[in-house]
Amino acid sequence: MLRLLADENFNNDIVRGLLRRKPDIDIVRTQDVGLSGTDDPTMLEWAARHGRVLLTHDVTTITRHAYERVQADQPMPGVFEVSRAVPIGTAIEDILLLTEYTLEGEWEGQIRYLPLR
């Protein structure tokens, strides 16, 4: 199963909805692991060390830092950029689909945008 890290500004209603629908989903929030207030490179490094795909709404800076990791040949287990315009239910469904039907390491070095199309 896909392991997830929700960044500090990720919509907690989505996180709660994921946990309601699938209580055994492997998701942690940056606040839960002592990363509150950290910069994007530090958060991406932590995600890489722990093999977690990052969930974020931040399309302005995370993308650049994630691609910098890839270009530097550093591990980057993946980023799912979830548009704030996506209805919460759609975001939950798309994330659940991704967690259920992807293989370990499948998103390495990739950034994907939700909603899925």
N, C-alpha and C. Protein backbone atom coordinates (compact mmCIF):
# COMPACT_ATOMS: atom_id res chain seq x y z
N MET A 1 0.84 -1.19 0.00
CA MET A 1 0.00 0.00 0.00
C MET A 1 0.88 1.24 0.00
N LEU A 2 0.43 2.25 -0.70
CA LEU A 2 1.13 3.51 -0.80
C LEU A 2 1.18 4.19 0.56
N ARG A 3 2.34 4.73 0.89
CA ARG A 3 2.52 5.48 2.14
C ARG A 3 2.50 6.96 1.81
N LEU A 4 1.75 7.75 2.60
CA LEU A 4 1.53 9.15 2.29
C LEU A 4 1.98 10.07 3.42
N LEU A 5 2.40 11.28 3.02
CA LEU A 5 2.69 12.37 3.93
C LEU A 5 1.89 13.57 3.44
N ALA A 6 1.00 14.11 4.28
CA ALA A 6 0.23 15.31 3.95
C ALA A 6 0.98 16.52 4.50
N ASP A 7 1.24 17.49 3.63
CA ASP A 7 1.99 18.65 4.11
C ASP A 7 1.15 19.51 5.04
N GLU A 8 1.79 20.48 5.63
CA GLU A 8 1.18 21.25 6.72
C GLU A 8 -0.11 21.97 6.32
N ASN A 9 -0.21 22.39 5.08
CA ASN A 9 -1.38 23.14 4.64
C ASN A 9 -2.39 22.28 3.88
N PHE A 10 -2.17 20.96 3.88
CA PHE A 10 -3.09 20.09 3.17
C PHE A 10 -4.43 20.06 3.91
N ASN A 11 -5.50 20.05 3.17
CA ASN A 11 -6.85 20.11 3.72
C ASN A 11 -7.11 18.91 4.66
N ASN A 12 -7.27 19.21 5.94
CA ASN A 12 -7.49 18.14 6.92
C ASN A 12 -8.83 17.44 6.74
N ASP A 13 -9.79 18.09 6.06
CA ASP A 13 -11.04 17.40 5.77
C ASP A 13 -10.80 16.23 4.82
N ILE A 14 -9.85 16.39 3.91
CA ILE A 14 -9.49 15.28 3.02
C ILE A 14 -8.82 14.17 3.82
N VAL A 15 -7.91 14.53 4.70
CA VAL A 15 -7.22 13.53 5.52
C VAL A 15 -8.24 12.76 6.37
N ARG A 16 -9.15 13.49 7.03
CA ARG A 16 -10.18 12.82 7.84
C ARG A 16 -11.07 11.93 6.99
N GLY A 17 -11.43 12.39 5.80
CA GLY A 17 -12.25 11.58 4.91
C GLY A 17 -11.54 10.32 4.46
N LEU A 18 -10.25 10.42 4.19
CA LEU A 18 -9.46 9.23 3.83
C LEU A 18 -9.47 8.22 4.97
N LEU A 19 -9.27 8.72 6.19
CA LEU A 19 -9.23 7.83 7.35
C LEU A 19 -10.60 7.23 7.66
N ARG A 20 -11.66 7.96 7.40
CA ARG A 20 -13.01 7.41 7.59
C ARG A 20 -13.29 6.30 6.59
N ARG A 21 -12.91 6.53 5.35
CA ARG A 21 -13.18 5.55 4.30
C ARG A 21 -12.26 4.34 4.39
N LYS A 22 -11.01 4.56 4.82
CA LYS A 22 -10.04 3.47 4.89
C LYS A 22 -9.19 3.67 6.14
N PRO A 23 -9.67 3.20 7.28
CA PRO A 23 -8.99 3.44 8.55
C PRO A 23 -7.54 2.95 8.60
N ASP A 24 -7.19 1.97 7.76
CA ASP A 24 -5.82 1.46 7.79
C ASP A 24 -4.91 2.13 6.76
N ILE A 25 -5.38 3.22 6.14
CA ILE A 25 -4.52 3.93 5.18
C ILE A 25 -3.27 4.43 5.91
N ASP A 26 -2.15 4.36 5.24
CA ASP A 26 -0.88 4.76 5.85
C ASP A 26 -0.59 6.22 5.49
N ILE A 27 -1.12 7.12 6.31
CA ILE A 27 -0.96 8.55 6.08
C ILE A 27 -0.57 9.23 7.38
N VAL A 28 0.40 10.13 7.29
CA VAL A 28 0.77 10.98 8.42
C VAL A 28 0.78 12.42 7.92
N ARG A 29 0.58 13.33 8.84
CA ARG A 29 0.66 14.76 8.52
C ARG A 29 2.00 15.28 9.01
N THR A 30 2.50 16.31 8.36
CA THR A 30 3.77 16.88 8.79
C THR A 30 3.72 17.27 10.26
N GLN A 31 2.56 17.74 10.73
CA GLN A 31 2.40 18.14 12.12
C GLN A 31 2.60 16.94 13.06
N ASP A 32 2.23 15.75 12.59
CA ASP A 32 2.31 14.55 13.43
C ASP A 32 3.74 14.03 13.59
N VAL A 33 4.62 14.43 12.68
CA VAL A 33 5.99 13.88 12.70
C VAL A 33 7.04 14.95 12.98
N GLY A 34 6.59 16.07 13.55
CA GLY A 34 7.54 17.10 13.97
C GLY A 34 8.09 17.97 12.85
N LEU A 35 7.37 18.08 11.74
CA LEU A 35 7.85 18.88 10.62
C LEU A 35 7.11 20.20 10.46
N SER A 36 6.33 20.60 11.44
CA SER A 36 5.61 21.88 11.34
C SER A 36 6.61 23.01 11.12
N GLY A 37 6.31 23.86 10.14
CA GLY A 37 7.14 25.03 9.89
C GLY A 37 8.42 24.75 9.13
N THR A 38 8.67 23.52 8.72
CA THR A 38 9.90 23.24 7.98
C THR A 38 9.76 23.68 6.53
N ASP A 39 10.89 23.87 5.89
CA ASP A 39 10.86 24.27 4.48
C ASP A 39 10.62 23.06 3.58
N ASP A 40 10.32 23.35 2.33
CA ASP A 40 9.98 22.29 1.38
C ASP A 40 11.10 21.27 1.18
N PRO A 41 12.35 21.70 1.01
CA PRO A 41 13.41 20.70 0.83
C PRO A 41 13.54 19.73 2.02
N THR A 42 13.36 20.24 3.23
CA THR A 42 13.44 19.38 4.42
C THR A 42 12.29 18.39 4.44
N MET A 43 11.09 18.85 4.08
CA MET A 43 9.93 17.99 4.05
C MET A 43 10.10 16.90 2.98
N LEU A 44 10.60 17.27 1.81
CA LEU A 44 10.81 16.29 0.74
C LEU A 44 11.90 15.29 1.13
N GLU A 45 12.92 15.74 1.83
CA GLU A 45 13.97 14.83 2.30
C GLU A 45 13.39 13.83 3.29
N TRP A 46 12.56 14.30 4.22
CA TRP A 46 11.93 13.39 5.19
C TRP A 46 11.05 12.38 4.46
N ALA A 47 10.25 12.84 3.49
CA ALA A 47 9.38 11.94 2.73
C ALA A 47 10.22 10.88 2.01
N ALA A 48 11.33 11.29 1.45
CA ALA A 48 12.20 10.35 0.74
C ALA A 48 12.80 9.32 1.71
N ARG A 49 13.27 9.77 2.86
CA ARG A 49 13.85 8.83 3.84
C ARG A 49 12.82 7.82 4.34
N HIS A 50 11.56 8.22 4.38
CA HIS A 50 10.51 7.35 4.90
C HIS A 50 9.64 6.73 3.81
N GLY A 51 10.01 6.93 2.56
CA GLY A 51 9.29 6.31 1.45
C GLY A 51 7.83 6.72 1.34
N ARG A 52 7.57 8.01 1.54
CA ARG A 52 6.19 8.50 1.52
C ARG A 52 5.98 9.49 0.37
N VAL A 53 4.90 9.29 -0.35
CA VAL A 53 4.49 10.22 -1.39
C VAL A 53 3.85 11.42 -0.71
N LEU A 54 4.22 12.61 -1.15
CA LEU A 54 3.73 13.84 -0.54
C LEU A 54 2.41 14.28 -1.16
N LEU A 55 1.45 14.59 -0.30
CA LEU A 55 0.18 15.21 -0.71
C LEU A 55 0.28 16.70 -0.42
N THR A 56 -0.01 17.52 -1.41
CA THR A 56 0.12 18.96 -1.22
C THR A 56 -0.88 19.71 -2.08
N HIS A 57 -1.14 20.96 -1.70
CA HIS A 57 -1.89 21.88 -2.54
C HIS A 57 -0.93 22.92 -3.14
N ASP A 58 0.32 22.88 -2.76
CA ASP A 58 1.31 23.90 -3.10
C ASP A 58 1.94 23.61 -4.47
N VAL A 59 1.43 24.28 -5.49
CA VAL A 59 1.98 24.07 -6.83
C VAL A 59 3.08 25.06 -7.15
N THR A 60 3.33 26.03 -6.28
CA THR A 60 4.32 27.05 -6.61
C THR A 60 5.74 26.66 -6.23
N THR A 61 5.94 26.05 -5.08
CA THR A 61 7.32 25.78 -4.66
C THR A 61 7.66 24.30 -4.57
N ILE A 62 6.73 23.47 -4.16
CA ILE A 62 7.03 22.04 -4.01
C ILE A 62 7.51 21.44 -5.32
N THR A 63 6.84 21.79 -6.41
CA THR A 63 7.19 21.23 -7.72
C THR A 63 8.66 21.50 -8.04
N ARG A 64 9.09 22.73 -7.87
CA ARG A 64 10.48 23.09 -8.17
C ARG A 64 11.45 22.29 -7.32
N HIS A 65 11.18 22.21 -6.02
CA HIS A 65 12.08 21.48 -5.13
C HIS A 65 12.08 19.99 -5.42
N ALA A 66 10.93 19.45 -5.78
CA ALA A 66 10.86 18.02 -6.11
C ALA A 66 11.69 17.72 -7.35
N TYR A 67 11.56 18.56 -8.38
CA TYR A 67 12.34 18.33 -9.60
C TYR A 67 13.83 18.56 -9.36
N GLU A 68 14.18 19.47 -8.46
CA GLU A 68 15.59 19.66 -8.11
C GLU A 68 16.16 18.37 -7.51
N ARG A 69 15.37 17.69 -6.67
CA ARG A 69 15.82 16.41 -6.09
C ARG A 69 16.04 15.38 -7.20
N VAL A 70 15.11 15.33 -8.14
CA VAL A 70 15.24 14.36 -9.24
C VAL A 70 16.48 14.67 -10.07
N GLN A 71 16.70 15.93 -10.40
CA GLN A 71 17.85 16.33 -11.20
C GLN A 71 19.17 16.05 -10.48
N ALA A 72 19.15 16.13 -9.14
CA ALA A 72 20.35 15.86 -8.35
C ALA A 72 20.52 14.37 -8.06
N ASP A 73 19.66 13.55 -8.68
CA ASP A 73 19.69 12.10 -8.50
C ASP A 73 19.48 11.70 -7.03
N GLN A 74 18.63 12.45 -6.35
CA GLN A 74 18.24 12.14 -4.98
C GLN A 74 16.88 11.46 -5.01
N PRO A 75 16.61 10.59 -4.04
CA PRO A 75 15.30 9.94 -4.03
C PRO A 75 14.17 10.95 -3.86
N MET A 76 13.08 10.70 -4.57
CA MET A 76 11.89 11.54 -4.47
C MET A 76 10.71 10.63 -4.76
N PRO A 77 10.08 10.06 -3.70
CA PRO A 77 9.06 9.02 -3.89
C PRO A 77 7.80 9.46 -4.59
N GLY A 78 7.64 10.74 -4.87
CA GLY A 78 6.50 11.23 -5.62
C GLY A 78 5.76 12.33 -4.89
N VAL A 79 5.03 13.12 -5.68
CA VAL A 79 4.22 14.21 -5.15
C VAL A 79 2.87 14.15 -5.87
N PHE A 80 1.80 14.24 -5.09
CA PHE A 80 0.46 14.40 -5.65
C PHE A 80 0.01 15.80 -5.32
N GLU A 81 -0.11 16.63 -6.34
CA GLU A 81 -0.58 18.01 -6.20
C GLU A 81 -2.10 17.99 -6.35
N VAL A 82 -2.80 18.33 -5.29
CA VAL A 82 -4.26 18.30 -5.30
C VAL A 82 -4.77 19.74 -5.39
N SER A 83 -5.43 20.05 -6.48
CA SER A 83 -5.97 21.39 -6.66
C SER A 83 -6.96 21.71 -5.54
N ARG A 84 -6.90 22.94 -5.03
CA ARG A 84 -7.86 23.36 -4.01
C ARG A 84 -9.27 23.44 -4.58
N ALA A 85 -9.39 23.50 -5.90
CA ALA A 85 -10.71 23.58 -6.54
C ALA A 85 -11.40 22.22 -6.64
N VAL A 86 -10.66 21.15 -6.37
CA VAL A 86 -11.24 19.81 -6.46
C VAL A 86 -12.19 19.60 -5.28
N PRO A 87 -13.41 19.13 -5.55
CA PRO A 87 -14.30 18.81 -4.43
C PRO A 87 -13.64 17.77 -3.51
N ILE A 88 -13.88 17.90 -2.22
CA ILE A 88 -13.26 17.02 -1.23
C ILE A 88 -13.53 15.55 -1.55
N GLY A 89 -14.75 15.21 -1.90
CA GLY A 89 -15.09 13.83 -2.20
C GLY A 89 -14.30 13.28 -3.38
N THR A 90 -14.10 14.10 -4.39
CA THR A 90 -13.33 13.69 -5.56
C THR A 90 -11.87 13.47 -5.17
N ALA A 91 -11.31 14.37 -4.38
CA ALA A 91 -9.92 14.21 -3.92
C ALA A 91 -9.77 12.91 -3.15
N ILE A 92 -10.70 12.63 -2.26
CA ILE A 92 -10.65 11.41 -1.45
C ILE A 92 -10.69 10.18 -2.36
N GLU A 93 -11.63 10.16 -3.30
CA GLU A 93 -11.76 9.02 -4.21
C GLU A 93 -10.49 8.81 -5.03
N ASP A 94 -9.92 9.89 -5.56
CA ASP A 94 -8.71 9.77 -6.38
C ASP A 94 -7.53 9.27 -5.56
N ILE A 95 -7.37 9.79 -4.36
CA ILE A 95 -6.26 9.36 -3.51
C ILE A 95 -6.43 7.90 -3.11
N LEU A 96 -7.64 7.50 -2.76
CA LEU A 96 -7.89 6.09 -2.43
C LEU A 96 -7.59 5.19 -3.62
N LEU A 97 -7.99 5.60 -4.80
CA LEU A 97 -7.70 4.82 -6.00
C LEU A 97 -6.19 4.65 -6.18
N LEU A 98 -5.46 5.73 -6.00
CA LEU A 98 -4.01 5.67 -6.15
C LEU A 98 -3.36 4.78 -5.09
N THR A 99 -3.87 4.84 -3.86
CA THR A 99 -3.25 4.02 -2.81
C THR A 99 -3.54 2.55 -3.01
N GLU A 100 -4.69 2.23 -3.57
CA GLU A 100 -5.08 0.83 -3.74
C GLU A 100 -4.44 0.16 -4.94
N TYR A 101 -4.22 0.91 -6.01
CA TYR A 101 -3.87 0.27 -7.27
C TYR A 101 -2.52 0.68 -7.85
N THR A 102 -1.62 1.13 -7.00
CA THR A 102 -0.28 1.42 -7.49
C THR A 102 0.72 0.55 -6.76
N LEU A 103 1.83 0.34 -7.43
CA LEU A 103 2.89 -0.50 -6.88
C LEU A 103 3.89 0.35 -6.10
N GLU A 104 4.56 -0.29 -5.18
CA GLU A 104 5.59 0.41 -4.41
C GLU A 104 6.64 0.96 -5.37
N GLY A 105 6.97 2.22 -5.20
CA GLY A 105 7.98 2.86 -6.03
C GLY A 105 7.48 3.36 -7.37
N GLU A 106 6.21 3.14 -7.67
CA GLU A 106 5.67 3.52 -8.99
C GLU A 106 5.73 5.02 -9.24
N TRP A 107 5.64 5.83 -8.20
CA TRP A 107 5.60 7.28 -8.37
C TRP A 107 6.96 7.93 -8.16
N GLU A 108 8.00 7.15 -8.00
CA GLU A 108 9.36 7.67 -7.79
C GLU A 108 9.70 8.69 -8.89
N GLY A 109 10.11 9.88 -8.43
CA GLY A 109 10.55 10.92 -9.35
C GLY A 109 9.44 11.61 -10.13
N GLN A 110 8.19 11.37 -9.75
CA GLN A 110 7.07 11.93 -10.52
C GLN A 110 6.22 12.89 -9.69
N ILE A 111 5.63 13.83 -10.41
CA ILE A 111 4.63 14.71 -9.82
C ILE A 111 3.35 14.52 -10.63
N ARG A 112 2.27 14.24 -9.92
CA ARG A 112 0.97 14.02 -10.57
C ARG A 112 -0.03 15.04 -10.01
N TYR A 113 -0.93 15.44 -10.86
CA TYR A 113 -1.92 16.44 -10.48
C TYR A 113 -3.29 15.80 -10.38
N LEU A 114 -3.98 16.12 -9.28
CA LEU A 114 -5.33 15.62 -9.09
C LEU A 114 -6.30 16.79 -9.24
N PRO A 115 -7.43 16.58 -9.86
CA PRO A 115 -8.09 15.30 -10.03
C PRO A 115 -7.50 14.50 -11.19
N LEU A 116 -7.67 13.18 -11.11
CA LEU A 116 -7.27 12.31 -12.19
C LEU A 116 -8.18 12.57 -13.38
N ARG A 117 -7.65 12.49 -14.56
CA ARG A 117 -8.48 12.72 -15.76
C ARG A 117 -8.31 11.61 -16.73
